[in-house]
Amino acid sequence: GTLTKKVPSEGDIGIKISAPACIGDVEMFYNFPYGCTVSSVTTCDLWVLDMASFQRYLWQSTNHAIDQMRLSALSKLQEALSHTKQVHLNLLYGLPPLQGKVTKEIAQELISKSKAKVHGPNSFVCSTSEMA
């Protein structure tokens, strides 16, 4: 079907709208009142979505998108940690005092008990006196 949309701020000039079209979606998104008059010119099948349903759908879809971003970030973090652990294993095997004395199991246990911590620029990491 066909609709006309008259916008008061534009001198009530009728704008023809044909399917498929959305009317008032921007106003619902920004929670503004719909300031236009819409009339059917021909027989139309219209689907009406109330504000509460629209906001619930928007909330759910936003949460879904955030969950997907979190999953993606977690996957990348796990990948990076796995790589980092392998680098640490190789480092342990290469330390002169441990060469030939550390089994793969002991090295993996040491790595699994270690904790990662991010230090910003110019931050205190440790003192050699604390390590003795």
N, C-alpha and C. Protein backbone atom coordinates (compact mmCIF):
# COMPACT_ATOMS: atom_id res chain seq x y z
N GLY A 1 0.81 -1.18 0.00
CA GLY A 1 0.00 0.00 0.00
C GLY A 1 0.86 1.25 0.00
N THR A 2 0.18 2.37 -0.02
CA THR A 2 0.86 3.66 -0.03
C THR A 2 0.35 4.52 1.12
N LEU A 3 1.24 5.26 1.73
CA LEU A 3 0.91 6.19 2.80
C LEU A 3 1.39 7.58 2.42
N THR A 4 0.81 8.58 3.06
CA THR A 4 1.37 9.93 2.97
C THR A 4 1.78 10.35 4.36
N LYS A 5 2.85 11.08 4.40
CA LYS A 5 3.38 11.57 5.67
C LYS A 5 3.45 13.08 5.56
N LYS A 6 2.79 13.77 6.49
CA LYS A 6 2.82 15.23 6.51
C LYS A 6 3.59 15.69 7.73
N VAL A 7 4.59 16.51 7.46
CA VAL A 7 5.46 17.01 8.53
C VAL A 7 5.15 18.48 8.74
N PRO A 8 4.65 18.86 9.94
CA PRO A 8 4.29 20.26 10.19
C PRO A 8 5.45 21.23 9.96
N SER A 9 6.65 20.85 10.34
CA SER A 9 7.79 21.76 10.19
C SER A 9 8.17 21.98 8.73
N GLU A 10 7.66 21.13 7.84
CA GLU A 10 7.96 21.26 6.41
C GLU A 10 6.73 21.75 5.64
N GLY A 11 5.85 22.45 6.32
CA GLY A 11 4.69 23.04 5.67
C GLY A 11 3.61 22.04 5.31
N ASP A 12 3.53 20.94 6.03
CA ASP A 12 2.52 19.91 5.79
C ASP A 12 2.49 19.39 4.36
N ILE A 13 3.65 19.36 3.71
CA ILE A 13 3.73 18.80 2.36
C ILE A 13 3.64 17.28 2.49
N GLY A 14 2.76 16.66 1.74
CA GLY A 14 2.59 15.21 1.81
C GLY A 14 3.71 14.47 1.10
N ILE A 15 4.33 13.55 1.80
CA ILE A 15 5.39 12.73 1.23
C ILE A 15 4.82 11.32 1.08
N LYS A 16 4.89 10.76 -0.13
CA LYS A 16 4.37 9.41 -0.34
C LYS A 16 5.38 8.38 0.15
N ILE A 17 4.86 7.39 0.84
CA ILE A 17 5.69 6.30 1.36
C ILE A 17 5.11 5.00 0.84
N SER A 18 5.97 4.17 0.29
CA SER A 18 5.55 2.86 -0.20
C SER A 18 6.30 1.77 0.56
N ALA A 19 5.70 0.59 0.60
CA ALA A 19 6.30 -0.55 1.30
C ALA A 19 7.57 -1.01 0.58
N PRO A 20 8.51 -1.52 1.26
CA PRO A 20 8.61 -1.60 2.73
C PRO A 20 9.16 -0.30 3.29
N ALA A 21 8.63 0.13 4.41
CA ALA A 21 9.08 1.38 5.03
C ALA A 21 8.86 1.33 6.53
N CYS A 22 9.63 2.12 7.24
CA CYS A 22 9.47 2.28 8.69
C CYS A 22 9.07 3.72 8.95
N ILE A 23 8.16 3.88 9.87
CA ILE A 23 7.70 5.22 10.24
C ILE A 23 7.85 5.36 11.75
N GLY A 24 8.51 6.39 12.18
CA GLY A 24 8.64 6.66 13.60
C GLY A 24 9.76 5.90 14.29
N ASP A 25 10.59 5.17 13.53
CA ASP A 25 11.66 4.39 14.15
C ASP A 25 12.71 5.28 14.80
N VAL A 26 13.06 6.38 14.16
CA VAL A 26 14.06 7.29 14.72
C VAL A 26 13.51 7.93 15.99
N GLU A 27 12.25 8.31 15.96
CA GLU A 27 11.63 8.92 17.13
C GLU A 27 11.60 7.94 18.30
N MET A 28 11.32 6.66 18.01
CA MET A 28 11.31 5.66 19.08
C MET A 28 12.72 5.46 19.63
N PHE A 29 13.70 5.44 18.74
CA PHE A 29 15.08 5.24 19.16
C PHE A 29 15.53 6.34 20.11
N TYR A 30 15.18 7.57 19.79
CA TYR A 30 15.58 8.71 20.61
C TYR A 30 14.52 9.12 21.63
N ASN A 31 13.42 8.36 21.68
CA ASN A 31 12.32 8.61 22.62
C ASN A 31 11.72 10.01 22.46
N PHE A 32 11.53 10.41 21.19
CA PHE A 32 10.89 11.68 20.85
C PHE A 32 9.45 11.39 20.42
N PRO A 33 8.55 12.33 20.66
CA PRO A 33 7.19 12.13 20.14
C PRO A 33 7.19 12.23 18.61
N TYR A 34 6.33 11.47 17.99
CA TYR A 34 6.25 11.48 16.53
C TYR A 34 5.42 12.68 16.10
N GLY A 35 6.03 13.62 15.39
CA GLY A 35 5.37 14.88 15.05
C GLY A 35 4.75 14.93 13.68
N CYS A 36 4.55 13.78 13.04
CA CYS A 36 4.00 13.76 11.70
C CYS A 36 2.60 13.16 11.70
N THR A 37 1.87 13.46 10.65
CA THR A 37 0.57 12.83 10.44
C THR A 37 0.73 11.88 9.27
N VAL A 38 0.37 10.62 9.51
CA VAL A 38 0.48 9.61 8.46
C VAL A 38 -0.92 9.13 8.13
N SER A 39 -1.23 9.11 6.83
CA SER A 39 -2.55 8.65 6.36
C SER A 39 -2.36 7.64 5.26
N SER A 40 -3.29 6.68 5.18
CA SER A 40 -3.20 5.69 4.10
C SER A 40 -3.86 6.24 2.85
N VAL A 41 -3.22 6.04 1.73
CA VAL A 41 -3.75 6.44 0.43
C VAL A 41 -4.46 5.24 -0.19
N THR A 42 -3.84 4.08 -0.04
CA THR A 42 -4.42 2.82 -0.51
C THR A 42 -4.47 1.86 0.67
N THR A 43 -5.03 0.68 0.46
CA THR A 43 -5.07 -0.33 1.52
C THR A 43 -3.65 -0.73 1.88
N CYS A 44 -3.38 -0.74 3.19
CA CYS A 44 -2.02 -1.01 3.68
C CYS A 44 -2.05 -2.07 4.77
N ASP A 45 -1.05 -2.93 4.76
CA ASP A 45 -0.82 -3.85 5.88
C ASP A 45 0.29 -3.23 6.71
N LEU A 46 -0.05 -2.87 7.94
CA LEU A 46 0.94 -2.22 8.80
C LEU A 46 1.24 -3.09 10.02
N TRP A 47 2.48 -3.10 10.40
CA TRP A 47 2.89 -3.76 11.63
C TRP A 47 3.21 -2.66 12.61
N VAL A 48 2.63 -2.73 13.78
CA VAL A 48 2.83 -1.70 14.79
C VAL A 48 3.64 -2.30 15.94
N LEU A 49 4.65 -1.57 16.35
CA LEU A 49 5.49 -1.99 17.47
C LEU A 49 5.44 -0.91 18.53
N ASP A 50 5.01 -1.29 19.73
CA ASP A 50 4.91 -0.29 20.80
C ASP A 50 6.30 0.02 21.37
N MET A 51 6.40 1.14 22.06
CA MET A 51 7.67 1.62 22.58
C MET A 51 8.33 0.61 23.51
N ALA A 52 7.57 0.00 24.41
CA ALA A 52 8.15 -0.95 25.37
C ALA A 52 8.79 -2.14 24.65
N SER A 53 8.11 -2.67 23.65
CA SER A 53 8.65 -3.80 22.89
C SER A 53 9.89 -3.39 22.12
N PHE A 54 9.85 -2.21 21.52
CA PHE A 54 11.00 -1.70 20.77
C PHE A 54 12.22 -1.56 21.69
N GLN A 55 12.02 -0.96 22.86
CA GLN A 55 13.13 -0.76 23.79
C GLN A 55 13.65 -2.09 24.32
N ARG A 56 12.75 -3.06 24.59
CA ARG A 56 13.17 -4.37 25.06
C ARG A 56 14.02 -5.06 23.99
N TYR A 57 13.56 -5.00 22.73
CA TYR A 57 14.32 -5.61 21.63
C TYR A 57 15.68 -4.92 21.48
N LEU A 58 15.69 -3.61 21.55
CA LEU A 58 16.94 -2.86 21.43
C LEU A 58 17.90 -3.24 22.54
N TRP A 59 17.39 -3.36 23.77
CA TRP A 59 18.20 -3.74 24.92
C TRP A 59 18.77 -5.15 24.72
N GLN A 60 17.93 -6.09 24.29
CA GLN A 60 18.38 -7.47 24.10
C GLN A 60 19.42 -7.56 22.98
N SER A 61 19.19 -6.86 21.89
CA SER A 61 20.14 -6.94 20.78
C SER A 61 21.46 -6.27 21.14
N THR A 62 21.40 -5.21 21.93
CA THR A 62 22.62 -4.54 22.38
C THR A 62 23.39 -5.47 23.32
N ASN A 63 22.68 -6.11 24.25
CA ASN A 63 23.35 -7.04 25.16
C ASN A 63 23.97 -8.20 24.39
N HIS A 64 23.26 -8.69 23.38
CA HIS A 64 23.79 -9.79 22.56
C HIS A 64 25.09 -9.36 21.86
N ALA A 65 25.08 -8.16 21.31
CA ALA A 65 26.28 -7.66 20.62
C ALA A 65 27.44 -7.51 21.61
N ILE A 66 27.14 -7.02 22.80
CA ILE A 66 28.19 -6.87 23.83
C ILE A 66 28.73 -8.24 24.23
N ASP A 67 27.82 -9.23 24.39
CA ASP A 67 28.25 -10.59 24.73
C ASP A 67 29.16 -11.16 23.65
N GLN A 68 28.82 -10.92 22.39
CA GLN A 68 29.64 -11.42 21.29
C GLN A 68 31.03 -10.77 21.31
N MET A 69 31.08 -9.47 21.60
CA MET A 69 32.37 -8.79 21.69
C MET A 69 33.20 -9.35 22.85
N ARG A 70 32.54 -9.61 23.98
CA ARG A 70 33.24 -10.18 25.13
C ARG A 70 33.80 -11.56 24.80
N LEU A 71 32.99 -12.40 24.15
CA LEU A 71 33.46 -13.74 23.77
C LEU A 71 34.65 -13.67 22.84
N SER A 72 34.58 -12.76 21.88
CA SER A 72 35.68 -12.59 20.93
C SER A 72 36.94 -12.12 21.66
N ALA A 73 36.79 -11.16 22.56
CA ALA A 73 37.94 -10.65 23.31
C ALA A 73 38.51 -11.74 24.21
N LEU A 74 37.64 -12.53 24.85
CA LEU A 74 38.11 -13.62 25.71
C LEU A 74 38.87 -14.65 24.91
N SER A 75 38.37 -14.98 23.73
CA SER A 75 39.05 -15.94 22.86
C SER A 75 40.44 -15.44 22.48
N LYS A 76 40.54 -14.16 22.12
CA LYS A 76 41.83 -13.59 21.76
C LYS A 76 42.78 -13.55 22.96
N LEU A 77 42.23 -13.27 24.13
CA LEU A 77 43.04 -13.24 25.34
C LEU A 77 43.57 -14.64 25.66
N GLN A 78 42.71 -15.65 25.56
CA GLN A 78 43.14 -17.02 25.81
C GLN A 78 44.21 -17.46 24.81
N GLU A 79 44.05 -17.05 23.58
CA GLU A 79 45.04 -17.35 22.55
C GLU A 79 46.39 -16.70 22.90
N ALA A 80 46.33 -15.44 23.32
CA ALA A 80 47.56 -14.72 23.68
C ALA A 80 48.20 -15.34 24.91
N LEU A 81 47.39 -15.73 25.90
CA LEU A 81 47.93 -16.36 27.10
C LEU A 81 48.58 -17.70 26.79
N SER A 82 47.95 -18.45 25.90
CA SER A 82 48.51 -19.74 25.49
C SER A 82 49.88 -19.53 24.85
N HIS A 83 49.96 -18.54 23.98
CA HIS A 83 51.23 -18.21 23.32
C HIS A 83 52.27 -17.77 24.35
N THR A 84 51.83 -16.92 25.29
CA THR A 84 52.73 -16.42 26.32
C THR A 84 53.25 -17.56 27.19
N LYS A 85 52.38 -18.50 27.55
CA LYS A 85 52.81 -19.64 28.36
C LYS A 85 53.85 -20.47 27.62
N GLN A 86 53.66 -20.62 26.30
CA GLN A 86 54.65 -21.37 25.52
C GLN A 86 55.99 -20.64 25.50
N VAL A 87 55.94 -19.32 25.39
CA VAL A 87 57.18 -18.53 25.42
C VAL A 87 57.86 -18.71 26.78
N HIS A 88 57.07 -18.69 27.87
CA HIS A 88 57.63 -18.87 29.21
C HIS A 88 58.23 -20.26 29.39
N LEU A 89 57.56 -21.27 28.85
CA LEU A 89 58.11 -22.64 28.92
C LEU A 89 59.47 -22.70 28.24
N ASN A 90 59.54 -22.13 27.06
CA ASN A 90 60.81 -22.12 26.33
C ASN A 90 61.88 -21.36 27.10
N LEU A 91 61.48 -20.28 27.77
CA LEU A 91 62.42 -19.50 28.57
C LEU A 91 62.92 -20.33 29.75
N LEU A 92 62.01 -21.04 30.43
CA LEU A 92 62.42 -21.88 31.57
C LEU A 92 63.40 -22.96 31.14
N TYR A 93 63.12 -23.60 30.02
CA TYR A 93 64.01 -24.65 29.52
C TYR A 93 65.39 -24.09 29.19
N GLY A 94 65.43 -22.81 28.83
CA GLY A 94 66.69 -22.21 28.41
C GLY A 94 67.51 -21.61 29.54
N LEU A 95 66.95 -21.49 30.75
CA LEU A 95 67.71 -20.91 31.87
C LEU A 95 68.83 -21.87 32.27
N PRO A 96 70.07 -21.38 32.30
CA PRO A 96 71.20 -22.27 32.62
C PRO A 96 71.04 -23.09 33.91
N PRO A 97 70.57 -22.51 35.03
CA PRO A 97 70.46 -23.34 36.23
C PRO A 97 69.42 -24.47 36.11
N LEU A 98 68.47 -24.30 35.17
CA LEU A 98 67.40 -25.30 35.05
C LEU A 98 67.58 -26.26 33.88
N GLN A 99 68.53 -25.98 33.02
CA GLN A 99 68.71 -26.82 31.83
C GLN A 99 68.98 -28.26 32.23
N GLY A 100 68.21 -29.15 31.68
CA GLY A 100 68.35 -30.58 31.94
C GLY A 100 67.81 -31.03 33.28
N LYS A 101 67.33 -30.11 34.10
CA LYS A 101 66.84 -30.46 35.44
C LYS A 101 65.33 -30.33 35.56
N VAL A 102 64.70 -29.57 34.65
CA VAL A 102 63.26 -29.32 34.73
C VAL A 102 62.54 -30.19 33.72
N THR A 103 61.60 -30.98 34.22
CA THR A 103 60.78 -31.79 33.31
C THR A 103 59.69 -30.90 32.73
N LYS A 104 59.07 -31.39 31.70
CA LYS A 104 57.98 -30.64 31.06
C LYS A 104 56.84 -30.42 32.07
N GLU A 105 56.55 -31.42 32.88
CA GLU A 105 55.47 -31.32 33.86
C GLU A 105 55.76 -30.25 34.92
N ILE A 106 57.00 -30.24 35.41
CA ILE A 106 57.37 -29.24 36.43
C ILE A 106 57.33 -27.84 35.83
N ALA A 107 57.83 -27.70 34.62
CA ALA A 107 57.81 -26.39 33.96
C ALA A 107 56.38 -25.91 33.75
N GLN A 108 55.49 -26.80 33.32
CA GLN A 108 54.09 -26.42 33.11
C GLN A 108 53.42 -26.06 34.43
N GLU A 109 53.78 -26.75 35.51
CA GLU A 109 53.23 -26.43 36.82
C GLU A 109 53.71 -25.05 37.28
N LEU A 110 54.99 -24.75 37.07
CA LEU A 110 55.52 -23.42 37.41
C LEU A 110 54.79 -22.32 36.64
N ILE A 111 54.59 -22.58 35.35
CA ILE A 111 53.89 -21.59 34.51
C ILE A 111 52.45 -21.42 34.96
N SER A 112 51.77 -22.54 35.27
CA SER A 112 50.35 -22.44 35.66
C SER A 112 50.19 -21.71 36.99
N LYS A 113 51.22 -21.76 37.86
CA LYS A 113 51.13 -21.06 39.15
C LYS A 113 51.54 -19.60 39.05
N SER A 114 52.18 -19.24 37.95
CA SER A 114 52.58 -17.84 37.79
C SER A 114 51.35 -17.01 37.44
N LYS A 115 51.40 -15.75 37.78
CA LYS A 115 50.28 -14.85 37.52
C LYS A 115 50.73 -13.72 36.61
N ALA A 116 49.87 -13.41 35.67
CA ALA A 116 50.17 -12.31 34.75
C ALA A 116 49.72 -11.00 35.38
N LYS A 117 50.49 -9.99 35.21
CA LYS A 117 50.12 -8.66 35.70
C LYS A 117 50.64 -7.63 34.71
N VAL A 118 49.80 -6.70 34.37
CA VAL A 118 50.19 -5.65 33.43
C VAL A 118 50.72 -4.46 34.23
N HIS A 119 51.87 -3.98 33.83
CA HIS A 119 52.47 -2.80 34.47
C HIS A 119 52.47 -1.65 33.47
N GLY A 120 52.00 -0.51 33.91
CA GLY A 120 52.02 0.66 33.06
C GLY A 120 53.42 1.24 32.97
N PRO A 121 53.62 2.24 32.13
CA PRO A 121 54.93 2.88 32.01
C PRO A 121 55.38 3.45 33.36
N ASN A 122 56.65 3.31 33.64
CA ASN A 122 57.28 3.85 34.85
C ASN A 122 56.68 3.31 36.15
N SER A 123 56.12 2.10 36.13
CA SER A 123 55.57 1.54 37.37
C SER A 123 56.57 0.58 37.99
N PHE A 124 56.50 0.44 39.30
CA PHE A 124 57.41 -0.44 40.04
C PHE A 124 57.03 -1.89 39.75
N VAL A 125 58.00 -2.71 39.37
CA VAL A 125 57.74 -4.12 39.07
C VAL A 125 58.21 -4.98 40.23
N CYS A 126 59.46 -4.89 40.58
CA CYS A 126 60.00 -5.65 41.71
C CYS A 126 61.38 -5.12 42.06
N SER A 127 61.88 -5.58 43.19
CA SER A 127 63.22 -5.22 43.62
C SER A 127 64.01 -6.51 43.72
N THR A 128 65.29 -6.48 43.35
CA THR A 128 66.09 -7.70 43.44
C THR A 128 66.24 -8.14 44.90
N SER A 129 66.12 -7.21 45.85
CA SER A 129 66.21 -7.60 47.27
C SER A 129 64.99 -8.43 47.68
N GLU A 130 63.84 -8.22 47.01
CA GLU A 130 62.63 -9.00 47.31
C GLU A 130 62.76 -10.41 46.78
N MET A 131 63.60 -10.60 45.77
CA MET A 131 63.70 -11.89 45.12
C MET A 131 64.64 -12.82 45.85
N ALA A 132 65.50 -12.28 46.71
CA ALA A 132 66.51 -13.10 47.39
C ALA A 132 65.90 -13.88 48.53
